[in-house]
PDB file of N, CA and C in Angstrom:
ATOM      1  N   MET A   1       0.826  -1.175   0.008  1.00  0.00           N
ATOM      2  CA  MET A   1       0.008  -0.009  -0.004  1.00  0.00           C
ATOM      3  C   MET A   1       0.887   1.248  -0.005  1.00  0.00           C
ATOM      4  N   GLU A   2       0.616   2.131  -0.873  1.00  0.00           N
ATOM      5  CA  GLU A   2       1.356   3.370  -1.005  1.00  0.00           C
ATOM      6  C   GLU A   2       0.856   4.383  -0.016  1.00  0.00           C
ATOM      7  N   LYS A   3       1.772   5.118   0.622  1.00  0.00           N
ATOM      8  CA  LYS A   3       1.397   6.139   1.590  1.00  0.00           C
ATOM      9  C   LYS A   3       1.838   7.510   1.090  1.00  0.00           C
ATOM     10  N   ASN A   4       1.005   8.469   1.336  1.00  0.00           N
ATOM     11  CA  ASN A   4       1.370   9.870   1.083  1.00  0.00           C
ATOM     12  C   ASN A   4       1.937  10.430   2.366  1.00  0.00           C
ATOM     13  N   TYR A   5       2.849  11.355   2.234  1.00  0.00           N
ATOM     14  CA  TYR A   5       3.436  11.998   3.419  1.00  0.00           C
ATOM     15  C   TYR A   5       3.849  13.384   3.020  1.00  0.00           C
ATOM     16  N   ASN A   6       3.999  14.220   4.042  1.00  0.00           N
ATOM     17  CA  ASN A   6       4.462  15.581   3.852  1.00  0.00           C
ATOM     18  C   ASN A   6       5.966  15.612   4.101  1.00  0.00           C
ATOM     19  N   ILE A   7       6.654  16.472   3.389  1.00  0.00           N
ATOM     20  CA  ILE A   7       8.063  16.694   3.652  1.00  0.00           C
ATOM     21  C   ILE A   7       8.226  18.095   4.252  1.00  0.00           C
ATOM     22  N   SER A   8       9.254  18.282   5.020  1.00  0.00           N
ATOM     23  CA  SER A   8       9.545  19.577   5.642  1.00  0.00           C
ATOM     24  C   SER A   8      10.919  20.020   5.234  1.00  0.00           C
ATOM     25  N   LEU A   9      11.065  21.305   5.039  1.00  0.00           N
ATOM     26  CA  LEU A   9      12.355  21.908   4.752  1.00  0.00           C
ATOM     27  C   LEU A   9      12.629  23.035   5.718  1.00  0.00           C
ATOM     28  N   THR A  10      13.863  23.154   6.162  1.00  0.00           N
ATOM     29  CA  THR A  10      14.223  24.306   6.959  1.00  0.00           C
ATOM     30  C   THR A  10      14.297  25.516   6.015  1.00  0.00           C
ATOM     31  N   ARG A  11      14.196  26.695   6.565  1.00  0.00           N
ATOM     32  CA  ARG A  11      14.343  27.884   5.735  1.00  0.00           C
ATOM     33  C   ARG A  11      15.716  27.897   5.080  1.00  0.00           C
ATOM     34  N   GLU A  12      16.721  27.415   5.817  1.00  0.00           N
ATOM     35  CA  GLU A  12      18.091  27.378   5.292  1.00  0.00           C
ATOM     36  C   GLU A  12      18.161  26.575   4.002  1.00  0.00           C
ATOM     37  N   VAL A  13      17.561  25.402   3.995  1.00  0.00           N
ATOM     38  CA  VAL A  13      17.575  24.554   2.812  1.00  0.00           C
ATOM     39  C   VAL A  13      16.703  25.143   1.727  1.00  0.00           C
ATOM     40  N   LYS A  14      15.527  25.613   2.099  1.00  0.00           N
ATOM     41  CA  LYS A  14      14.595  26.179   1.137  1.00  0.00           C
ATOM     42  C   LYS A  14      15.222  27.345   0.384  1.00  0.00           C
ATOM     43  N   THR A  15      16.035  28.149   1.027  1.00  0.00           N
ATOM     44  CA  THR A  15      16.588  29.322   0.392  1.00  0.00           C
ATOM     45  C   THR A  15      18.030  29.161  -0.069  1.00  0.00           C
ATOM     46  N   GLU A  16      18.549  27.962   0.013  1.00  0.00           N
ATOM     47  CA  GLU A  16      19.929  27.670  -0.387  1.00  0.00           C
ATOM     48  C   GLU A  16      20.063  27.766  -1.910  1.00  0.00           C
ATOM     49  N   LYS A  17      20.512  28.891  -2.367  1.00  0.00           N
ATOM     50  CA  LYS A  17      20.537  29.159  -3.847  1.00  0.00           C
ATOM     51  C   LYS A  17      21.563  28.274  -4.583  1.00  0.00           C
ATOM     52  N   SER A  18      22.538  27.741  -3.886  1.00  0.00           N
ATOM     53  CA  SER A  18      23.528  26.898  -4.572  1.00  0.00           C
ATOM     54  C   SER A  18      22.950  25.520  -4.900  1.00  0.00           C
ATOM     55  N   LEU A  19      21.813  25.181  -4.322  1.00  0.00           N
ATOM     56  CA  LEU A  19      21.191  23.885  -4.588  1.00  0.00           C
ATOM     57  C   LEU A  19      20.057  24.020  -5.599  1.00  0.00           C
ATOM     58  N   PRO A  20      19.996  23.113  -6.553  1.00  0.00           N
ATOM     59  CA  PRO A  20      18.852  23.136  -7.488  1.00  0.00           C
ATOM     60  C   PRO A  20      17.572  22.831  -6.715  1.00  0.00           C
ATOM     61  N   PRO A  21      16.441  23.358  -7.158  1.00  0.00           N
ATOM     62  CA  PRO A  21      15.151  23.127  -6.463  1.00  0.00           C
ATOM     63  C   PRO A  21      14.856  21.644  -6.225  1.00  0.00           C
ATOM     64  N   LEU A  22      15.170  20.781  -7.186  1.00  0.00           N
ATOM     65  CA  LEU A  22      14.890  19.362  -6.986  1.00  0.00           C
ATOM     66  C   LEU A  22      15.746  18.795  -5.868  1.00  0.00           C
ATOM     67  N   ALA A  23      16.976  19.227  -5.719  1.00  0.00           N
ATOM     68  CA  ALA A  23      17.863  18.782  -4.633  1.00  0.00           C
ATOM     69  C   ALA A  23      17.255  19.139  -3.269  1.00  0.00           C
ATOM     70  N   ARG A  24      16.618  20.306  -3.204  1.00  0.00           N
ATOM     71  CA  ARG A  24      15.982  20.713  -1.932  1.00  0.00           C
ATOM     72  C   ARG A  24      14.813  19.807  -1.617  1.00  0.00           C
ATOM     73  N   LEU A  25      14.044  19.444  -2.623  1.00  0.00           N
ATOM     74  CA  LEU A  25      12.921  18.512  -2.392  1.00  0.00           C
ATOM     75  C   LEU A  25      13.428  17.124  -2.004  1.00  0.00           C
ATOM     76  N   ILE A  26      14.478  16.676  -2.655  1.00  0.00           N
ATOM     77  CA  ILE A  26      15.050  15.361  -2.330  1.00  0.00           C
ATOM     78  C   ILE A  26      15.532  15.370  -0.874  1.00  0.00           C
ATOM     79  N   TYR A  27      16.136  16.473  -0.440  1.00  0.00           N
ATOM     80  CA  TYR A  27      16.571  16.568   0.962  1.00  0.00           C
ATOM     81  C   TYR A  27      15.399  16.398   1.898  1.00  0.00           C
ATOM     82  N   GLY A  28      14.274  17.032   1.573  1.00  0.00           N
ATOM     83  CA  GLY A  28      13.050  16.894   2.382  1.00  0.00           C
ATOM     84  C   GLY A  28      12.629  15.445   2.455  1.00  0.00           C
ATOM     85  N   ASP A  29      12.643  14.755   1.324  1.00  0.00           N
ATOM     86  CA  ASP A  29      12.320  13.335   1.299  1.00  0.00           C
ATOM     87  C   ASP A  29      13.290  12.513   2.145  1.00  0.00           C
ATOM     88  N   ILE A  30      14.572  12.811   2.026  1.00  0.00           N
ATOM     89  CA  ILE A  30      15.574  12.071   2.797  1.00  0.00           C
ATOM     90  C   ILE A  30      15.326  12.249   4.285  1.00  0.00           C
ATOM     91  N   CYS A  31      15.036  13.472   4.724  1.00  0.00           N
ATOM     92  CA  CYS A  31      14.757  13.722   6.133  1.00  0.00           C
ATOM     93  C   CYS A  31      13.535  12.932   6.597  1.00  0.00           C
ATOM     94  N   THR A  32      12.475  12.940   5.787  1.00  0.00           N
ATOM     95  CA  THR A  32      11.250  12.240   6.142  1.00  0.00           C
ATOM     96  C   THR A  32      11.500  10.740   6.194  1.00  0.00           C
ATOM     97  N   LEU A  33      12.194  10.203   5.171  1.00  0.00           N
ATOM     98  CA  LEU A  33      12.425   8.772   5.086  1.00  0.00           C
ATOM     99  C   LEU A  33      13.416   8.293   6.168  1.00  0.00           C
ATOM    100  N   SER A  34      14.176   9.196   6.726  1.00  0.00           N
ATOM    101  CA  SER A  34      15.131   8.826   7.775  1.00  0.00           C
ATOM    102  C   SER A  34      14.585   9.043   9.173  1.00  0.00           C
ATOM    103  N   LYS A  35      13.345   9.424   9.271  1.00  0.00           N
ATOM    104  CA  LYS A  35      12.728   9.789  10.563  1.00  0.00           C
ATOM    105  C   LYS A  35      12.842   8.606  11.572  1.00  0.00           C
ATOM    106  N   ASN A  36      12.563   7.408  11.145  1.00  0.00           N
ATOM    107  CA  ASN A  36      12.547   6.279  12.090  1.00  0.00           C
ATOM    108  C   ASN A  36      13.943   5.762  12.477  1.00  0.00           C
ATOM    109  N   ASN A  37      14.841   5.707  11.506  1.00  0.00           N
ATOM    110  CA  ASN A  37      16.169   5.101  11.735  1.00  0.00           C
ATOM    111  C   ASN A  37      17.342   6.078  11.786  1.00  0.00           C
ATOM    112  N   GLY A  38      17.072   7.317  11.451  1.00  0.00           N
ATOM    113  CA  GLY A  38      18.160   8.292  11.349  1.00  0.00           C
ATOM    114  C   GLY A  38      18.908   8.209  10.029  1.00  0.00           C
ATOM    115  N   LYS A  39      18.533   7.228   9.225  1.00  0.00           N
ATOM    116  CA  LYS A  39      19.176   7.028   7.917  1.00  0.00           C
ATOM    117  C   LYS A  39      18.109   6.705   6.888  1.00  0.00           C
ATOM    118  N   CYS A  40      18.349   7.135   5.663  1.00  0.00           N
ATOM    119  CA  CYS A  40      17.462   6.886   4.551  1.00  0.00           C
ATOM    120  C   CYS A  40      18.068   5.787   3.685  1.00  0.00           C
ATOM    121  N   PHE A  41      17.241   4.823   3.316  1.00  0.00           N
ATOM    122  CA  PHE A  41      17.685   3.695   2.532  1.00  0.00           C
ATOM    123  C   PHE A  41      17.262   3.757   1.073  1.00  0.00           C
ATOM    124  N   ALA A  42      16.635   4.881   0.668  1.00  0.00           N
ATOM    125  CA  ALA A  42      16.095   4.988  -0.679  1.00  0.00           C
ATOM    126  C   ALA A  42      17.217   4.959  -1.727  1.00  0.00           C
ATOM    127  N   THR A  43      16.997   4.222  -2.785  1.00  0.00           N
ATOM    128  CA  THR A  43      17.982   4.150  -3.876  1.00  0.00           C
ATOM    129  C   THR A  43      17.729   5.289  -4.848  1.00  0.00           C
ATOM    130  N   ASN A  44      18.712   5.562  -5.680  1.00  0.00           N
ATOM    131  CA  ASN A  44      18.570   6.574  -6.731  1.00  0.00           C
ATOM    132  C   ASN A  44      17.433   6.188  -7.662  1.00  0.00           C
ATOM    133  N   LYS A  45      17.305   4.876  -7.912  1.00  0.00           N
ATOM    134  CA  LYS A  45      16.273   4.382  -8.816  1.00  0.00           C
ATOM    135  C   LYS A  45      14.872   4.678  -8.219  1.00  0.00           C
ATOM    136  N   PHE A  46      14.701   4.471  -6.940  1.00  0.00           N
ATOM    137  CA  PHE A  46      13.450   4.777  -6.269  1.00  0.00           C
ATOM    138  C   PHE A  46      13.114   6.249  -6.366  1.00  0.00           C
ATOM    139  N   LEU A  47      14.103   7.109  -6.034  1.00  0.00           N
ATOM    140  CA  LEU A  47      13.886   8.546  -6.083  1.00  0.00           C
ATOM    141  C   LEU A  47      13.628   9.027  -7.510  1.00  0.00           C
ATOM    142  N   ALA A  48      14.320   8.449  -8.469  1.00  0.00           N
ATOM    143  CA  ALA A  48      14.089   8.816  -9.882  1.00  0.00           C
ATOM    144  C   ALA A  48      12.659   8.516 -10.274  1.00  0.00           C
ATOM    145  N   LYS A  49      12.162   7.375  -9.852  1.00  0.00           N
ATOM    146  CA  LYS A  49      10.775   7.011 -10.182  1.00  0.00           C
ATOM    147  C   LYS A  49       9.796   7.969  -9.499  1.00  0.00           C
ATOM    148  N   GLU A  50      10.072   8.304  -8.242  1.00  0.00           N
ATOM    149  CA  GLU A  50       9.206   9.234  -7.485  1.00  0.00           C
ATOM    150  C   GLU A  50       9.102  10.603  -8.165  1.00  0.00           C
ATOM    151  N   TYR A  51      10.205  11.090  -8.705  1.00  0.00           N
ATOM    152  CA  TYR A  51      10.246  12.413  -9.275  1.00  0.00           C
ATOM    153  C   TYR A  51      10.129  12.423 -10.821  1.00  0.00           C
ATOM    154  N   GLY A  52      10.108  11.278 -11.441  1.00  0.00           N
ATOM    155  CA  GLY A  52       9.975  11.210 -12.884  1.00  0.00           C
ATOM    156  C   GLY A  52      11.182  11.750 -13.629  1.00  0.00           C
ATOM    157  N   VAL A  53      12.370  11.507 -13.066  1.00  0.00           N
ATOM    158  CA  VAL A  53      13.612  11.956 -13.708  1.00  0.00           C
ATOM    159  C   VAL A  53      14.555  10.748 -13.818  1.00  0.00           C
ATOM    160  N   SER A  54      15.716  10.951 -14.414  1.00  0.00           N
ATOM    161  CA  SER A  54      16.653   9.881 -14.592  1.00  0.00           C
ATOM    162  C   SER A  54      17.431   9.614 -13.288  1.00  0.00           C
ATOM    163  N   VAL A  55      17.987   8.424 -13.213  1.00  0.00           N
ATOM    164  CA  VAL A  55      18.853   8.047 -12.087  1.00  0.00           C
ATOM    165  C   VAL A  55      20.058   8.976 -12.030  1.00  0.00           C
ATOM    166  N   LYS A  56      20.557   9.353 -13.213  1.00  0.00           N
ATOM    167  CA  LYS A  56      21.719  10.240 -13.277  1.00  0.00           C
ATOM    168  C   LYS A  56      21.402  11.615 -12.678  1.00  0.00           C
ATOM    169  N   THR A  57      20.178  12.108 -12.914  1.00  0.00           N
ATOM    170  CA  THR A  57      19.746  13.386 -12.337  1.00  0.00           C
ATOM    171  C   THR A  57      19.729  13.310 -10.811  1.00  0.00           C
ATOM    172  N   ILE A  58      19.188  12.222 -10.284  1.00  0.00           N
ATOM    173  CA  ILE A  58      19.141  12.015  -8.834  1.00  0.00           C
ATOM    174  C   ILE A  58      20.539  11.972  -8.280  1.00  0.00           C
ATOM    175  N   SER A  59      21.408  11.240  -8.967  1.00  0.00           N
ATOM    176  CA  SER A  59      22.835  11.123  -8.537  1.00  0.00           C
ATOM    177  C   SER A  59      23.502  12.497  -8.456  1.00  0.00           C
ATOM    178  N   ARG A  60      23.266  13.345  -9.422  1.00  0.00           N
ATOM    179  CA  ARG A  60      23.828  14.709  -9.427  1.00  0.00           C
ATOM    180  C   ARG A  60      23.315  15.508  -8.207  1.00  0.00           C
ATOM    181  N   HIS A  61      22.035  15.370  -7.916  1.00  0.00           N
ATOM    182  CA  HIS A  61      21.447  16.117  -6.793  1.00  0.00           C
ATOM    183  C   HIS A  61      21.924  15.577  -5.450  1.00  0.00           C
ATOM    184  N   ILE A  62      22.102  14.263  -5.331  1.00  0.00           N
ATOM    185  CA  ILE A  62      22.631  13.685  -4.113  1.00  0.00           C
ATOM    186  C   ILE A  62      24.055  14.209  -3.900  1.00  0.00           C
ATOM    187  N   THR A  63      24.840  14.229  -4.968  1.00  0.00           N
ATOM    188  CA  THR A  63      26.221  14.748  -4.877  1.00  0.00           C
ATOM    189  C   THR A  63      26.220  16.217  -4.471  1.00  0.00           C
ATOM    190  N   ALA A  64      25.313  16.997  -4.991  1.00  0.00           N
ATOM    191  CA  ALA A  64      25.210  18.429  -4.634  1.00  0.00           C
ATOM    192  C   ALA A  64      24.894  18.571  -3.136  1.00  0.00           C
ATOM    193  N   LEU A  65      24.001  17.716  -2.627  1.00  0.00           N
ATOM    194  CA  LEU A  65      23.643  17.789  -1.213  1.00  0.00           C
ATOM    195  C   LEU A  65      24.833  17.351  -0.310  1.00  0.00           C
ATOM    196  N   VAL A  66      25.611  16.395  -0.769  1.00  0.00           N
ATOM    197  CA  VAL A  66      26.790  15.983  -0.032  1.00  0.00           C
ATOM    198  C   VAL A  66      27.808  17.116  -0.005  1.00  0.00           C
ATOM    199  N   LYS A  67      28.092  17.731  -1.185  1.00  0.00           N
ATOM    200  CA  LYS A  67      29.049  18.816  -1.252  1.00  0.00           C
ATOM    201  C   LYS A  67      28.641  20.038  -0.432  1.00  0.00           C
ATOM    202  N   ALA A  68      27.318  20.269  -0.342  1.00  0.00           N
ATOM    203  CA  ALA A  68      26.809  21.402   0.433  1.00  0.00           C
ATOM    204  C   ALA A  68      26.782  21.105   1.934  1.00  0.00           C
ATOM    205  N   GLY A  69      27.027  19.859   2.309  1.00  0.00           N
ATOM    206  CA  GLY A  69      27.085  19.508   3.702  1.00  0.00           C
ATOM    207  C   GLY A  69      25.735  19.190   4.335  1.00  0.00           C
ATOM    208  N   TYR A  70      24.736  18.910   3.522  1.00  0.00           N
ATOM    209  CA  TYR A  70      23.406  18.625   4.053  1.00  0.00           C
ATOM    210  C   TYR A  70      23.170  17.144   4.334  1.00  0.00           C
ATOM    211  N   ILE A  71      23.937  16.277   3.662  1.00  0.00           N
ATOM    212  CA  ILE A  71      23.781  14.840   3.874  1.00  0.00           C
ATOM    213  C   ILE A  71      25.192  14.184   3.815  1.00  0.00           C
ATOM    214  N   LYS A  72      25.253  12.983   4.323  1.00  0.00           N
ATOM    215  CA  LYS A  72      26.441  12.132   4.081  1.00  0.00           C
ATOM    216  C   LYS A  72      25.924  10.814   3.596  1.00  0.00           C
ATOM    217  N   THR A  73      26.714  10.187   2.750  1.00  0.00           N
ATOM    218  CA  THR A  73      26.347   8.847   2.244  1.00  0.00           C
ATOM    219  C   THR A  73      27.398   7.855   2.688  1.00  0.00           C
ATOM    220  N   GLU A  74      26.940   6.625   2.838  1.00  0.00           N
ATOM    221  CA  GLU A  74      27.811   5.563   3.308  1.00  0.00           C
ATOM    222  C   GLU A  74      27.419   4.290   2.585  1.00  0.00           C
ATOM    223  N   ARG A  75      28.419   3.620   2.015  1.00  0.00           N
ATOM    224  CA  ARG A  75      28.161   2.315   1.366  1.00  0.00           C
ATOM    225  C   ARG A  75      28.590   1.228   2.316  1.00  0.00           C
ATOM    226  N   VAL A  76      27.695   0.274   2.543  1.00  0.00           N
ATOM    227  CA  VAL A  76      27.948  -0.829   3.453  1.00  0.00           C
ATOM    228  C   VAL A  76      27.787  -2.135   2.664  1.00  0.00           C
ATOM    229  N   GLN A  77      28.780  -3.009   2.793  1.00  0.00           N
ATOM    230  CA  GLN A  77      28.680  -4.314   2.118  1.00  0.00           C
ATOM    231  C   GLN A  77      27.835  -5.257   2.962  1.00  0.00           C
ATOM    232  N   MET A  78      26.852  -5.828   2.305  1.00  0.00           N
ATOM    233  CA  MET A  78      25.958  -6.754   2.971  1.00  0.00           C
ATOM    234  C   MET A  78      26.577  -8.160   2.942  1.00  0.00           C
ATOM    235  N   THR A  79      26.023  -9.074   3.726  1.00  0.00           N
ATOM    236  CA  THR A  79      26.573 -10.437   3.757  1.00  0.00           C
ATOM    237  C   THR A  79      26.479 -11.122   2.420  1.00  0.00           C
ATOM    238  N   SER A  80      25.508 -10.667   1.585  1.00  0.00           N
ATOM    239  CA  SER A  80      25.339 -11.230   0.253  1.00  0.00           C
ATOM    240  C   SER A  80      26.435 -10.791  -0.725  1.00  0.00           C
ATOM    241  N   GLY A  81      27.234  -9.788  -0.300  1.00  0.00           N
ATOM    242  CA  GLY A  81      28.290  -9.265  -1.168  1.00  0.00           C
ATOM    243  C   GLY A  81      27.831  -8.014  -1.869  1.00  0.00           C
ATOM    244  N   ASN A  82      26.541  -7.719  -1.913  1.00  0.00           N
ATOM    245  CA  ASN A  82      26.033  -6.507  -2.522  1.00  0.00           C
ATOM    246  C   ASN A  82      26.281  -5.333  -1.565  1.00  0.00           C
ATOM    247  N   PHE A  83      26.197  -4.132  -2.122  1.00  0.00           N
ATOM    248  CA  PHE A  83      26.381  -2.946  -1.316  1.00  0.00           C
ATOM    249  C   PHE A  83      25.033  -2.230  -1.153  1.00  0.00           C
ATOM    250  N   MET A  84      24.870  -1.611   0.016  1.00  0.00           N
ATOM    251  CA  MET A  84      23.695  -0.820   0.287  1.00  0.00           C
ATOM    252  C   MET A  84      24.172   0.582   0.676  1.00  0.00           C
ATOM    253  N   ARG A  85      23.469   1.580   0.170  1.00  0.00           N
ATOM    254  CA  ARG A  85      23.836   2.957   0.514  1.00  0.00           C
ATOM    255  C   ARG A  85      22.880   3.503   1.568  1.00  0.00           C
ATOM    256  N   TYR A  86      23.469   4.129   2.569  1.00  0.00           N
ATOM    257  CA  TYR A  86      22.689   4.823   3.570  1.00  0.00           C
ATOM    258  C   TYR A  86      22.927   6.309   3.386  1.00  0.00           C
ATOM    259  N   ILE A  87      21.857   7.101   3.529  1.00  0.00           N
ATOM    260  CA  ILE A  87      21.973   8.554   3.466  1.00  0.00           C
ATOM    261  C   ILE A  87      21.554   9.094   4.826  1.00  0.00           C
ATOM    262  N   THR A  88      22.432   9.895   5.418  1.00  0.00           N
ATOM    263  CA  THR A  88      22.144  10.495   6.730  1.00  0.00           C
ATOM    264  C   THR A  88      22.020  11.992   6.555  1.00  0.00           C
ATOM    265  N   PRO A  89      20.851  12.574   6.931  1.00  0.00           N
ATOM    266  CA  PRO A  89      20.721  14.019   6.907  1.00  0.00           C
ATOM    267  C   PRO A  89      21.569  14.619   8.037  1.00  0.00           C
ATOM    268  N   LEU A  90      22.296  15.705   7.708  1.00  0.00           N
ATOM    269  CA  LEU A  90      23.160  16.290   8.698  1.00  0.00           C
ATOM    270  C   LEU A  90      22.568  17.577   9.332  1.00  0.00           C
ATOM    271  N   LYS A  91      21.618  18.182   8.702  1.00  0.00           N
ATOM    272  CA  LYS A  91      21.069  19.422   9.227  1.00  0.00           C
ATOM    273  C   LYS A  91      19.569  19.320   9.432  1.00  0.00           C
ATOM    274  N   MET A  92      19.183  18.244  10.040  1.00  0.00           N
ATOM    275  CA  MET A  92      17.754  17.905  10.188  1.00  0.00           C
ATOM    276  C   MET A  92      17.182  18.420  11.524  1.00  0.00           C
ATOM    277  N   GLU A  93      18.081  18.853  12.434  1.00  0.00           N
ATOM    278  CA  GLU A  93      17.644  19.187  13.780  1.00  0.00           C
ATOM    279  C   GLU A  93      16.564  20.271  13.875  1.00  0.00           C
ATOM    280  N   ASP A  94      16.537  21.158  12.868  1.00  0.00           N
ATOM    281  CA  ASP A  94      15.526  22.210  12.902  1.00  0.00           C
ATOM    282  C   ASP A  94      14.200  21.842  12.311  1.00  0.00           C
ATOM    283  N   ILE A  95      14.109  20.641  11.751  1.00  0.00           N
ATOM    284  CA  ILE A  95      12.873  20.159  11.152  1.00  0.00           C
ATOM    285  C   ILE A  95      12.074  19.445  12.208  1.00  0.00           C
ATOM    286  N   ASN A  96      10.821  19.826  12.354  1.00  0.00           N
ATOM    287  CA  ASN A  96       9.949  19.157  13.318  1.00  0.00           C
ATOM    288  C   ASN A  96       9.377  17.914  12.646  1.00  0.00           C
ATOM    289  N   THR A  97      10.054  16.796  12.821  1.00  0.00           N
ATOM    290  CA  THR A  97       9.607  15.565  12.157  1.00  0.00           C
ATOM    291  C   THR A  97       8.358  14.996  12.819  1.00  0.00           C
ATOM    292  N   ASP A  98       7.997  15.511  13.987  1.00  0.00           N
ATOM    293  CA  ASP A  98       6.741  15.023  14.610  1.00  0.00           C
ATOM    294  C   ASP A  98       5.527  15.474  13.802  1.00  0.00           C
ATOM    295  N   SER A  99       5.706  16.475  12.962  1.00  0.00           N
ATOM    296  CA  SER A  99       4.584  16.987  12.205  1.00  0.00           C
ATOM    297  C   SER A  99       4.369  16.223  10.918  1.00  0.00           C
ATOM    298  N   VAL A 100       5.191  15.234  10.635  1.00  0.00           N
ATOM    299  CA  VAL A 100       5.005  14.438   9.419  1.00  0.00           C
ATOM    300  C   VAL A 100       3.670  13.725   9.527  1.00  0.00           C
ATOM    301  N   GLN A 101       2.869  13.869   8.545  1.00  0.00           N
ATOM    302  CA  GLN A 101       1.522  13.360   8.555  1.00  0.00           C
ATOM    303  C   GLN A 101       1.316  12.378   7.418  1.00  0.00           C
ATOM    304  N   VAL A 102       0.879  11.186   7.781  1.00  0.00           N
ATOM    305  CA  VAL A 102       0.591  10.177   6.774  1.00  0.00           C
ATOM    306  C   VAL A 102      -0.887  10.297   6.411  1.00  0.00           C
ATOM    307  N   ILE A 103      -1.173  10.507   5.140  1.00  0.00           N
ATOM    308  CA  ILE A 103      -2.520  10.662   4.661  1.00  0.00           C
ATOM    309  C   ILE A 103      -2.849   9.508   3.746  1.00  0.00           C
ATOM    310  N   PRO A 104      -3.928   8.799   3.997  1.00  0.00           N
ATOM    311  CA  PRO A 104      -4.261   7.674   3.106  1.00  0.00           C
ATOM    312  C   PRO A 104      -4.513   8.210   1.695  1.00  0.00           C
ATOM    313  N   LYS A 105      -4.029   7.488   0.703  1.00  0.00           N
ATOM    314  CA  LYS A 105      -4.205   7.897  -0.671  1.00  0.00           C
ATOM    315  C   LYS A 105      -5.634   7.694  -1.091  1.00  0.00           C
ATOM    316  N   LYS A 106      -6.195   8.696  -1.715  1.00  0.00           N
ATOM    317  CA  LYS A 106      -7.562   8.652  -2.210  1.00  0.00           C
ATOM    318  C   LYS A 106      -7.554   8.897  -3.712  1.00  0.00           C
ATOM    319  N   LYS A 107      -8.567   8.449  -4.357  1.00  0.00           N
ATOM    320  CA  LYS A 107      -8.622   8.612  -5.827  1.00  0.00           C
ATOM    321  C   LYS A 107      -8.986  10.044  -6.219  1.00  0.00           C
ATOM    322  N   ASP A 108      -9.692  10.746  -5.351  1.00  0.00           N
ATOM    323  CA  ASP A 108     -10.033  12.137  -5.678  1.00  0.00           C
ATOM    324  C   ASP A 108      -9.196  13.065  -4.766  1.00  0.00           C
ATOM    325  N   CYS A 109      -9.301  14.340  -5.007  1.00  0.00           N
ATOM    326  CA  CYS A 109      -8.513  15.307  -4.258  1.00  0.00           C
ATOM    327  C   CYS A 109      -9.398  16.120  -3.321  1.00  0.00           C
ATOM    328  N   SER A 110     -10.580  15.609  -2.985  1.00  0.00           N
ATOM    329  CA  SER A 110     -11.509  16.373  -2.158  1.00  0.00           C
ATOM    330  C   SER A 110     -10.971  16.632  -0.753  1.00  0.00           C
ATOM    331  N   TYR A 111     -10.004  15.764  -0.303  1.00  0.00           N
ATOM    332  CA  TYR A 111      -9.479  15.934   1.027  1.00  0.00           C
ATOM    333  C   TYR A 111      -8.502  17.117   1.106  1.00  0.00           C
ATOM    334  N   LEU A 112      -8.103  17.699  -0.025  1.00  0.00           N
ATOM    335  CA  LEU A 112      -7.224  18.841  -0.067  1.00  0.00           C
ATOM    336  C   LEU A 112      -7.927  20.152   0.191  1.00  0.00           C
ATOM    337  N   GLY A 113      -9.190  20.204  -0.080  1.00  0.00           N
ATOM    338  CA  GLY A 113      -9.904  21.479  -0.003  1.00  0.00           C
ATOM    339  C   GLY A 113     -10.830  21.533   1.088  1.00  0.00           C
TER     340      GLY A 113
END
């Protein structure tokens, strides 16, 4: 079952002119997806599908977020020999993650108005 959720951005991230707008949104997703574990496990392929862009585009934006100091990435080798990437938000402390709201997906948009 697919869940809808809200993302939050700090004013600092929202107004960071050195970051492309999509990178700012991805950061919000990373913060939301890391709420439970402190780390986000989303792959570039997953994020590309969510935003309707290429995996290469997501990779560029992840790199921009790393260079700007908003996230760190870590590759961990699993027992299977495959690697898994973890993304940790570094400037998430100002985001009130308690306000993340899960809204059941509906076919119409009447719940918005």
